[in-house]
Amino acid sequence: MNKINKDVDYKKMAGSARLVMLGESSHNPAIYKYEAIKALRQLKAAGFTHFAIEMLPRSMQEKVEFYQRTGKGFGEIQKYFDDNWAWGYTVPAAYGELVKSARDIGLKLVALDLTLAEMDSIDSSCPSKLAEEEECFDSHTRRNLVWVENIVKILNQKKKNRVIAFMHRWHALRGTSYQEGLDTLVVTEGISKVRYIDFVGGIACYSKRSCEGFSDEQGSLKNEYFYRENVSLETAIKTYQVHLPEKSLMLERTK
């Protein structure tokens, strides 16, 4: 087992990377969003400039930029989370807090995703069987390609630009044999300084009284907060794993 480090240092994990992908191993734990807030603060201090997020579609970019400029209109953003990202109790609110925190510390907000209608249209023309046979790209892969195009464009605009991208793990990395991950796609586009940080552990609450632990660790490690280099995920880029304890939501760590 890789050595664990209880001093969770996102600046150290990022190194000189121009793109750091923060990946949720599941959308269900709200704590991953609050941990991402801590990561954003450290990475902004290290020189990162943009925050790109899977959970908002590109069609909302104008509304996102209006909120960025004025501080107004956040209600429409939160409503999108409420309507489309209710994966668990407090999860939509946690996504909202993540976006607000990114704006508050001065990161430029970028909506990455396709709309649900666009995804449905793609999958209707590329059913899963054809996608598995690599006859066409399903919505998962199309989304990844669009995200990479957007991120690479930002990185190529200015040498000082550095992007933090927040998404599910299986977008950052290859989800299946036929679904290419951003890890290889961005490298193909000439971006070589890339890091991936995987959020694991923690708890997911589906109501005030119904919670489930998400840690794969044994014994006391279930309740420890630490990071380590990740060697279990197949990827050509440098990856780390941040483990959140099951015992609490650790909201105090975002302060």
C-alpha atoms as a PDB file:
ATOM      1  CA  MET A   1       0.000   0.000   0.000  1.00  0.00           C
ATOM      2  CA  ASN A   2       1.276   3.450  -0.883  1.00  0.00           C
ATOM      3  CA  LYS A   3       2.425   5.604   2.002  1.00  0.00           C
ATOM      4  CA  ILE A   4      -0.278   7.928   3.286  1.00  0.00           C
ATOM      5  CA  ASN A   5       0.300  11.617   4.063  1.00  0.00           C
ATOM      6  CA  LYS A   6      -2.040  13.338   6.513  1.00  0.00           C
ATOM      7  CA  ASP A   7      -0.925  16.828   5.476  1.00  0.00           C
ATOM      8  CA  VAL A   8      -3.235  17.157   2.463  1.00  0.00           C
ATOM      9  CA  ASP A   9      -1.412  19.653   0.253  1.00  0.00           C
ATOM     10  CA  TYR A  10      -3.040  20.378  -3.111  1.00  0.00           C
ATOM     11  CA  LYS A  11      -0.269  22.723  -4.180  1.00  0.00           C
ATOM     12  CA  LYS A  12       2.235  19.915  -3.776  1.00  0.00           C
ATOM     13  CA  MET A  13       0.036  17.470  -5.669  1.00  0.00           C
ATOM     14  CA  ALA A  14      -0.467  19.969  -8.507  1.00  0.00           C
ATOM     15  CA  GLY A  15       3.223  20.732  -8.916  1.00  0.00           C
ATOM     16  CA  SER A  16       3.794  22.633 -12.162  1.00  0.00           C
ATOM     17  CA  ALA A  17       0.662  21.244 -13.835  1.00  0.00           C
ATOM     18  CA  ARG A  18      -1.389  23.525 -16.064  1.00  0.00           C
ATOM     19  CA  LEU A  19      -4.444  21.302 -15.712  1.00  0.00           C
ATOM     20  CA  VAL A  20      -5.535  19.680 -12.469  1.00  0.00           C
ATOM     21  CA  MET A  21      -8.603  17.467 -12.660  1.00  0.00           C
ATOM     22  CA  LEU A  22     -10.482  16.921  -9.412  1.00  0.00           C
ATOM     23  CA  GLY A  23     -12.525  13.754  -9.761  1.00  0.00           C
ATOM     24  CA  GLU A  24     -15.458  12.493  -7.737  1.00  0.00           C
ATOM     25  CA  SER A  25     -15.460   8.719  -7.402  1.00  0.00           C
ATOM     26  CA  SER A  26     -19.213   9.184  -6.925  1.00  0.00           C
ATOM     27  CA  HIS A  27     -21.561  12.158  -7.275  1.00  0.00           C
ATOM     28  CA  ASN A  28     -23.431  11.155  -4.108  1.00  0.00           C
ATOM     29  CA  PRO A  29     -21.212  12.417  -1.243  1.00  0.00           C
ATOM     30  CA  ALA A  30     -21.708  16.147  -0.645  1.00  0.00           C
ATOM     31  CA  ILE A  31     -18.357  16.208   1.158  1.00  0.00           C
ATOM     32  CA  TYR A  32     -16.451  15.861  -2.130  1.00  0.00           C
ATOM     33  CA  LYS A  33     -17.753  19.282  -3.174  1.00  0.00           C
ATOM     34  CA  TYR A  34     -16.663  20.835   0.112  1.00  0.00           C
ATOM     35  CA  GLU A  35     -13.253  19.213  -0.162  1.00  0.00           C
ATOM     36  CA  ALA A  36     -13.003  20.677  -3.664  1.00  0.00           C
ATOM     37  CA  ILE A  37     -13.547  24.130  -2.113  1.00  0.00           C
ATOM     38  CA  LYS A  38     -10.470  23.576   0.035  1.00  0.00           C
ATOM     39  CA  ALA A  39      -8.545  22.458  -3.061  1.00  0.00           C
ATOM     40  CA  LEU A  40      -9.634  25.545  -5.022  1.00  0.00           C
ATOM     41  CA  ARG A  41      -8.353  27.885  -2.331  1.00  0.00           C
ATOM     42  CA  GLN A  42      -4.943  26.240  -2.254  1.00  0.00           C
ATOM     43  CA  LEU A  43      -4.679  26.029  -6.041  1.00  0.00           C
ATOM     44  CA  LYS A  44      -5.783  29.632  -6.567  1.00  0.00           C
ATOM     45  CA  ALA A  45      -2.967  30.673  -4.226  1.00  0.00           C
ATOM     46  CA  ALA A  46      -0.627  28.547  -6.370  1.00  0.00           C
ATOM     47  CA  GLY A  47      -1.552  30.483  -9.529  1.00  0.00           C
ATOM     48  CA  PHE A  48      -4.515  28.681 -11.061  1.00  0.00           C
ATOM     49  CA  THR A  49      -6.841  30.961 -13.012  1.00  0.00           C
ATOM     50  CA  HIS A  50      -9.933  29.043 -14.172  1.00  0.00           C
ATOM     51  CA  PHE A  51     -12.460  26.645 -12.662  1.00  0.00           C
ATOM     52  CA  ALA A  52     -14.276  24.402 -15.152  1.00  0.00           C
ATOM     53  CA  ILE A  53     -17.164  22.243 -13.972  1.00  0.00           C
ATOM     54  CA  GLU A  54     -18.965  19.259 -15.471  1.00  0.00           C
ATOM     55  CA  MET A  55     -22.224  20.034 -13.689  1.00  0.00           C
ATOM     56  CA  LEU A  56     -23.145  23.102 -15.769  1.00  0.00           C
ATOM     57  CA  PRO A  57     -23.876  23.052 -19.535  1.00  0.00           C
ATOM     58  CA  ARG A  58     -22.172  25.378 -22.006  1.00  0.00           C
ATOM     59  CA  SER A  59     -25.603  26.813 -22.829  1.00  0.00           C
ATOM     60  CA  MET A  60     -25.511  28.504 -19.401  1.00  0.00           C
ATOM     61  CA  GLN A  61     -22.101  30.144 -19.908  1.00  0.00           C
ATOM     62  CA  GLU A  62     -23.595  33.608 -20.452  1.00  0.00           C
ATOM     63  CA  LYS A  63     -25.562  33.298 -17.225  1.00  0.00           C
ATOM     64  CA  VAL A  64     -22.446  32.054 -15.468  1.00  0.00           C
ATOM     65  CA  GLU A  65     -20.447  35.034 -16.750  1.00  0.00           C
ATOM     66  CA  PHE A  66     -23.217  37.435 -15.691  1.00  0.00           C
ATOM     67  CA  TYR A  67     -23.066  35.969 -12.203  1.00  0.00           C
ATOM     68  CA  GLN A  68     -19.265  36.189 -12.305  1.00  0.00           C
ATOM     69  CA  ARG A  69     -19.349  39.903 -13.215  1.00  0.00           C
ATOM     70  CA  THR A  70     -22.217  41.076 -11.034  1.00  0.00           C
ATOM     71  CA  GLY A  71     -22.806  38.546  -8.294  1.00  0.00           C
ATOM     72  CA  LYS A  72     -26.418  38.418  -9.449  1.00  0.00           C
ATOM     73  CA  GLY A  73     -28.386  35.575 -11.003  1.00  0.00           C
ATOM     74  CA  PHE A  74     -27.007  32.768  -8.877  1.00  0.00           C
ATOM     75  CA  GLY A  75     -30.543  31.505  -8.326  1.00  0.00           C
ATOM     76  CA  GLU A  76     -30.711  30.198 -11.911  1.00  0.00           C
ATOM     77  CA  ILE A  77     -27.453  28.316 -11.418  1.00  0.00           C
ATOM     78  CA  GLN A  78     -28.655  26.811  -8.159  1.00  0.00           C
ATOM     79  CA  LYS A  79     -31.958  25.847  -9.765  1.00  0.00           C
ATOM     80  CA  TYR A  80     -30.072  23.909 -12.422  1.00  0.00           C
ATOM     81  CA  PHE A  81     -28.284  21.961  -9.692  1.00  0.00           C
ATOM     82  CA  ASP A  82     -31.572  21.412  -7.839  1.00  0.00           C
ATOM     83  CA  ASP A  83     -33.305  20.125 -10.979  1.00  0.00           C
ATOM     84  CA  ASN A  84     -30.491  18.024 -12.426  1.00  0.00           C
ATOM     85  CA  TRP A  85     -27.950  17.121  -9.745  1.00  0.00           C
ATOM     86  CA  ALA A  86     -29.958  15.907  -6.763  1.00  0.00           C
ATOM     87  CA  TRP A  87     -27.801  12.833  -6.202  1.00  0.00           C
ATOM     88  CA  GLY A  88     -28.137  12.970  -2.431  1.00  0.00           C
ATOM     89  CA  TYR A  89     -29.246  15.071   0.521  1.00  0.00           C
ATOM     90  CA  THR A  90     -27.531  18.519   0.357  1.00  0.00           C
ATOM     91  CA  VAL A  91     -25.703  17.599  -2.883  1.00  0.00           C
ATOM     92  CA  PRO A  92     -27.302  20.334  -5.069  1.00  0.00           C
ATOM     93  CA  ALA A  93     -26.558  22.934  -2.389  1.00  0.00           C
ATOM     94  CA  ALA A  94     -22.971  21.686  -2.151  1.00  0.00           C
ATOM     95  CA  TYR A  95     -22.463  22.152  -5.906  1.00  0.00           C
ATOM     96  CA  GLY A  96     -23.820  25.665  -5.486  1.00  0.00           C
ATOM     97  CA  GLU A  97     -21.368  26.411  -2.675  1.00  0.00           C
ATOM     98  CA  LEU A  98     -18.534  25.167  -4.873  1.00  0.00           C
ATOM     99  CA  VAL A  99     -19.429  27.588  -7.667  1.00  0.00           C
ATOM    100  CA  LYS A 100     -19.856  30.487  -5.245  1.00  0.00           C
ATOM    101  CA  SER A 101     -16.515  29.765  -3.619  1.00  0.00           C
ATOM    102  CA  ALA A 102     -14.731  29.642  -6.984  1.00  0.00           C
ATOM    103  CA  ARG A 103     -16.131  33.062  -7.875  1.00  0.00           C
ATOM    104  CA  ASP A 104     -15.391  34.513  -4.434  1.00  0.00           C
ATOM    105  CA  ILE A 105     -11.690  33.664  -4.659  1.00  0.00           C
ATOM    106  CA  GLY A 106     -11.364  35.024  -8.195  1.00  0.00           C
ATOM    107  CA  LEU A 107     -11.319  31.941 -10.407  1.00  0.00           C
ATOM    108  CA  LYS A 108     -12.953  32.352 -13.814  1.00  0.00           C
ATOM    109  CA  LEU A 109     -15.960  30.030 -14.068  1.00  0.00           C
ATOM    110  CA  VAL A 110     -16.351  27.743 -17.086  1.00  0.00           C
ATOM    111  CA  ALA A 111     -19.434  25.606 -17.799  1.00  0.00           C
ATOM    112  CA  LEU A 112     -18.217  22.461 -19.559  1.00  0.00           C
ATOM    113  CA  ASP A 113     -21.070  20.148 -20.352  1.00  0.00           C
ATOM    114  CA  LEU A 114     -23.613  19.489 -23.074  1.00  0.00           C
ATOM    115  CA  THR A 115     -27.306  19.898 -22.392  1.00  0.00           C
ATOM    116  CA  LEU A 116     -29.452  16.864 -21.612  1.00  0.00           C
ATOM    117  CA  ALA A 117     -31.196  17.351 -24.965  1.00  0.00           C
ATOM    118  CA  GLU A 118     -27.837  17.275 -26.772  1.00  0.00           C
ATOM    119  CA  MET A 119     -26.874  14.075 -24.958  1.00  0.00           C
ATOM    120  CA  ASP A 120     -30.180  12.420 -25.844  1.00  0.00           C
ATOM    121  CA  SER A 121     -29.759  13.380 -29.487  1.00  0.00           C
ATOM    122  CA  ILE A 122     -26.255  11.909 -29.623  1.00  0.00           C
ATOM    123  CA  ASP A 123     -27.292   8.654 -27.964  1.00  0.00           C
ATOM    124  CA  SER A 124     -30.293   8.264 -30.234  1.00  0.00           C
ATOM    125  CA  SER A 125     -27.964   8.311 -33.238  1.00  0.00           C
ATOM    126  CA  CYS A 126     -25.253   6.251 -31.509  1.00  0.00           C
ATOM    127  CA  PRO A 127     -26.845   3.481 -29.424  1.00  0.00           C
ATOM    128  CA  SER A 128     -24.715   1.699 -26.860  1.00  0.00           C
ATOM    129  CA  LYS A 129     -24.074  -1.371 -29.033  1.00  0.00           C
ATOM    130  CA  LEU A 130     -22.570   0.724 -31.829  1.00  0.00           C
ATOM    131  CA  ALA A 131     -20.560   2.748 -29.311  1.00  0.00           C
ATOM    132  CA  GLU A 132     -19.154  -0.452 -27.790  1.00  0.00           C
ATOM    133  CA  GLU A 133     -18.163  -1.635 -31.264  1.00  0.00           C
ATOM    134  CA  GLU A 134     -16.487   1.775 -31.793  1.00  0.00           C
ATOM    135  CA  GLU A 135     -18.679   2.549 -34.781  1.00  0.00           C
ATOM    136  CA  CYS A 136     -19.567   5.962 -33.301  1.00  0.00           C
ATOM    137  CA  PHE A 137     -19.101   8.107 -30.203  1.00  0.00           C
ATOM    138  CA  ASP A 138     -21.766   8.033 -27.500  1.00  0.00           C
ATOM    139  CA  SER A 139     -22.648  11.085 -25.390  1.00  0.00           C
ATOM    140  CA  HIS A 140     -20.042  10.209 -22.752  1.00  0.00           C
ATOM    141  CA  THR A 141     -17.201  10.392 -25.247  1.00  0.00           C
ATOM    142  CA  ARG A 142     -18.674  13.381 -27.084  1.00  0.00           C
ATOM    143  CA  ARG A 143     -18.863  15.227 -23.794  1.00  0.00           C
ATOM    144  CA  ASN A 144     -15.212  14.464 -23.092  1.00  0.00           C
ATOM    145  CA  LEU A 145     -14.187  15.728 -26.520  1.00  0.00           C
ATOM    146  CA  VAL A 146     -16.114  18.976 -26.035  1.00  0.00           C
ATOM    147  CA  TRP A 147     -14.630  19.501 -22.571  1.00  0.00           C
ATOM    148  CA  VAL A 148     -11.106  18.967 -23.871  1.00  0.00           C
ATOM    149  CA  GLU A 149     -11.661  21.428 -26.697  1.00  0.00           C
ATOM    150  CA  ASN A 150     -12.808  24.067 -24.215  1.00  0.00           C
ATOM    151  CA  ILE A 151     -10.009  23.451 -21.713  1.00  0.00           C
ATOM    152  CA  VAL A 152      -7.253  23.364 -24.330  1.00  0.00           C
ATOM    153  CA  LYS A 153      -8.554  26.609 -25.831  1.00  0.00           C
ATOM    154  CA  ILE A 154      -8.255  28.300 -22.425  1.00  0.00           C
ATOM    155  CA  LEU A 155      -4.740  26.959 -21.858  1.00  0.00           C
ATOM    156  CA  ASN A 156      -3.608  28.082 -25.302  1.00  0.00           C
ATOM    157  CA  GLN A 157      -4.979  31.615 -24.892  1.00  0.00           C
ATOM    158  CA  LYS A 158      -2.303  32.620 -22.382  1.00  0.00           C
ATOM    159  CA  LYS A 159       0.719  30.832 -20.995  1.00  0.00           C
ATOM    160  CA  LYS A 160      -0.226  31.908 -17.478  1.00  0.00           C
ATOM    161  CA  ASN A 161      -3.651  30.241 -17.672  1.00  0.00           C
ATOM    162  CA  ARG A 162      -4.015  27.183 -15.456  1.00  0.00           C
ATOM    163  CA  VAL A 163      -7.252  25.228 -15.154  1.00  0.00           C
ATOM    164  CA  ILE A 164      -8.885  23.258 -12.354  1.00  0.00           C
ATOM    165  CA  ALA A 165     -11.577  20.961 -13.755  1.00  0.00           C
ATOM    166  CA  PHE A 166     -14.141  19.216 -11.544  1.00  0.00           C
ATOM    167  CA  MET A 167     -15.884  16.085 -12.838  1.00  0.00           C
ATOM    168  CA  HIS A 168     -16.697  12.443 -12.222  1.00  0.00           C
ATOM    169  CA  ARG A 169     -13.693  10.132 -12.204  1.00  0.00           C
ATOM    170  CA  TRP A 170     -14.751   8.274 -15.342  1.00  0.00           C
ATOM    171  CA  HIS A 171     -14.622  11.411 -17.414  1.00  0.00           C
ATOM    172  CA  ALA A 172     -11.136  12.320 -16.227  1.00  0.00           C
ATOM    173  CA  LEU A 173      -9.958   8.756 -16.902  1.00  0.00           C
ATOM    174  CA  ARG A 174     -11.023   6.072 -19.367  1.00  0.00           C
ATOM    175  CA  GLY A 175     -14.437   4.827 -18.281  1.00  0.00           C
ATOM    176  CA  THR A 176     -14.528   1.769 -20.550  1.00  0.00           C
ATOM    177  CA  SER A 177     -12.418   0.342 -23.338  1.00  0.00           C
ATOM    178  CA  TYR A 178     -14.300   2.508 -25.853  1.00  0.00           C
ATOM    179  CA  GLN A 179     -14.634   5.734 -23.825  1.00  0.00           C
ATOM    180  CA  GLU A 180     -11.434   7.803 -23.888  1.00  0.00           C
ATOM    181  CA  GLY A 181     -10.722   9.898 -20.809  1.00  0.00           C
ATOM    182  CA  LEU A 182      -9.549  13.490 -20.606  1.00  0.00           C
ATOM    183  CA  ASP A 183      -6.193  12.254 -19.298  1.00  0.00           C
ATOM    184  CA  THR A 184      -5.169  10.997 -22.737  1.00  0.00           C
ATOM    185  CA  LEU A 185      -7.237  13.406 -24.821  1.00  0.00           C
ATOM    186  CA  VAL A 186      -5.552  16.533 -23.439  1.00  0.00           C
ATOM    187  CA  VAL A 187      -2.102  15.015 -23.831  1.00  0.00           C
ATOM    188  CA  THR A 188      -2.931  14.279 -27.471  1.00  0.00           C
ATOM    189  CA  GLU A 189      -3.750  17.990 -27.827  1.00  0.00           C
ATOM    190  CA  GLY A 190      -0.273  18.934 -26.585  1.00  0.00           C
ATOM    191  CA  ILE A 191      -0.989  19.597 -22.899  1.00  0.00           C
ATOM    192  CA  SER A 192       1.568  17.499 -21.065  1.00  0.00           C
ATOM    193  CA  LYS A 193       1.516  19.014 -17.569  1.00  0.00           C
ATOM    194  CA  VAL A 194      -1.586  17.344 -16.171  1.00  0.00           C
ATOM    195  CA  ARG A 195      -2.514  15.948 -12.741  1.00  0.00           C
ATOM    196  CA  TYR A 196      -5.534  13.988 -11.576  1.00  0.00           C
ATOM    197  CA  ILE A 197      -6.747  13.977  -7.943  1.00  0.00           C
ATOM    198  CA  ASP A 198      -9.340  11.382  -6.983  1.00  0.00           C
ATOM    199  CA  PHE A 199     -11.773  11.977  -4.098  1.00  0.00           C
ATOM    200  CA  VAL A 200     -12.712   8.778  -2.239  1.00  0.00           C
ATOM    201  CA  GLY A 201     -14.181   7.792   1.111  1.00  0.00           C
ATOM    202  CA  GLY A 202     -16.528  10.079   3.010  1.00  0.00           C
ATOM    203  CA  ILE A 203     -20.231   9.514   3.448  1.00  0.00           C
ATOM    204  CA  ALA A 204     -23.310  10.076   1.324  1.00  0.00           C
ATOM    205  CA  CYS A 205     -26.571  11.083   2.986  1.00  0.00           C
ATOM    206  CA  TYR A 206     -29.852  10.541   1.149  1.00  0.00           C
ATOM    207  CA  SER A 207     -31.853  12.126   3.972  1.00  0.00           C
ATOM    208  CA  LYS A 208     -31.130  13.459   7.458  1.00  0.00           C
ATOM    209  CA  ARG A 209     -31.321   9.921   8.804  1.00  0.00           C
ATOM    210  CA  SER A 210     -30.027   7.789   5.946  1.00  0.00           C
ATOM    211  CA  CYS A 211     -26.279   7.876   5.308  1.00  0.00           C
ATOM    212  CA  GLU A 212     -23.834   5.427   3.773  1.00  0.00           C
ATOM    213  CA  GLY A 213     -20.074   5.171   4.148  1.00  0.00           C
ATOM    214  CA  PHE A 214     -18.053   5.282   0.921  1.00  0.00           C
ATOM    215  CA  SER A 215     -14.632   4.234   2.171  1.00  0.00           C
ATOM    216  CA  ASP A 216     -12.913   1.092   0.897  1.00  0.00           C
ATOM    217  CA  GLU A 217     -10.304   1.276   3.653  1.00  0.00           C
ATOM    218  CA  GLN A 218     -10.133  -1.082   6.610  1.00  0.00           C
ATOM    219  CA  GLY A 219     -10.144  -0.399  10.342  1.00  0.00           C
ATOM    220  CA  SER A 220      -9.102   3.021  11.592  1.00  0.00           C
ATOM    221  CA  LEU A 221      -8.169   4.223   8.111  1.00  0.00           C
ATOM    222  CA  LYS A 222     -11.871   4.559   7.314  1.00  0.00           C
ATOM    223  CA  ASN A 223     -11.958   7.603   9.575  1.00  0.00           C
ATOM    224  CA  GLU A 224      -8.673   9.172   8.502  1.00  0.00           C
ATOM    225  CA  TYR A 225      -8.127  12.193   6.262  1.00  0.00           C
ATOM    226  CA  PHE A 226      -5.084  11.711   4.030  1.00  0.00           C
ATOM    227  CA  TYR A 227      -3.670  11.640   0.522  1.00  0.00           C
ATOM    228  CA  ARG A 228      -1.315   9.349  -1.310  1.00  0.00           C
ATOM    229  CA  GLU A 229       0.002   8.731  -4.775  1.00  0.00           C
ATOM    230  CA  ASN A 230      -2.450   6.562  -6.663  1.00  0.00           C
ATOM    231  CA  VAL A 231      -1.101   3.570  -8.533  1.00  0.00           C
ATOM    232  CA  SER A 232      -4.347   1.606  -8.865  1.00  0.00           C
ATOM    233  CA  LEU A 233      -5.917   3.668 -11.657  1.00  0.00           C
ATOM    234  CA  GLU A 234      -4.697   3.008 -15.180  1.00  0.00           C
ATOM    235  CA  THR A 235      -3.522   6.308 -16.634  1.00  0.00           C
ATOM    236  CA  ALA A 236      -0.385   7.787 -18.137  1.00  0.00           C
ATOM    237  CA  ILE A 237      -0.564  10.940 -16.007  1.00  0.00           C
ATOM    238  CA  LYS A 238       0.414  11.490 -12.379  1.00  0.00           C
ATOM    239  CA  THR A 239      -2.524  10.772 -10.065  1.00  0.00           C
ATOM    240  CA  TYR A 240      -3.278  11.170  -6.379  1.00  0.00           C
ATOM    241  CA  GLN A 241      -6.026   9.952  -4.089  1.00  0.00           C
ATOM    242  CA  VAL A 242      -7.539  12.063  -1.307  1.00  0.00           C
ATOM    243  CA  HIS A 243      -9.420  10.014   1.270  1.00  0.00           C
ATOM    244  CA  LEU A 244     -12.212  11.661   3.262  1.00  0.00           C
ATOM    245  CA  PRO A 245     -13.190  10.107   6.616  1.00  0.00           C
ATOM    246  CA  GLU A 246     -16.523   8.396   7.049  1.00  0.00           C
ATOM    247  CA  LYS A 247     -17.038   9.779  10.561  1.00  0.00           C
ATOM    248  CA  SER A 248     -18.068  13.348   9.661  1.00  0.00           C
ATOM    249  CA  LEU A 249     -18.774  15.707   6.790  1.00  0.00           C
ATOM    250  CA  MET A 250     -15.635  17.640   7.717  1.00  0.00           C
ATOM    251  CA  LEU A 251     -17.272  20.951   6.801  1.00  0.00           C
ATOM    252  CA  GLU A 252     -14.928  22.636   9.243  1.00  0.00           C
ATOM    253  CA  ARG A 253     -12.046  21.826   6.890  1.00  0.00           C
ATOM    254  CA  THR A 254     -13.415  24.196   4.242  1.00  0.00           C
ATOM    255  CA  LYS A 255     -13.202  27.241   6.527  1.00  0.00           C
END
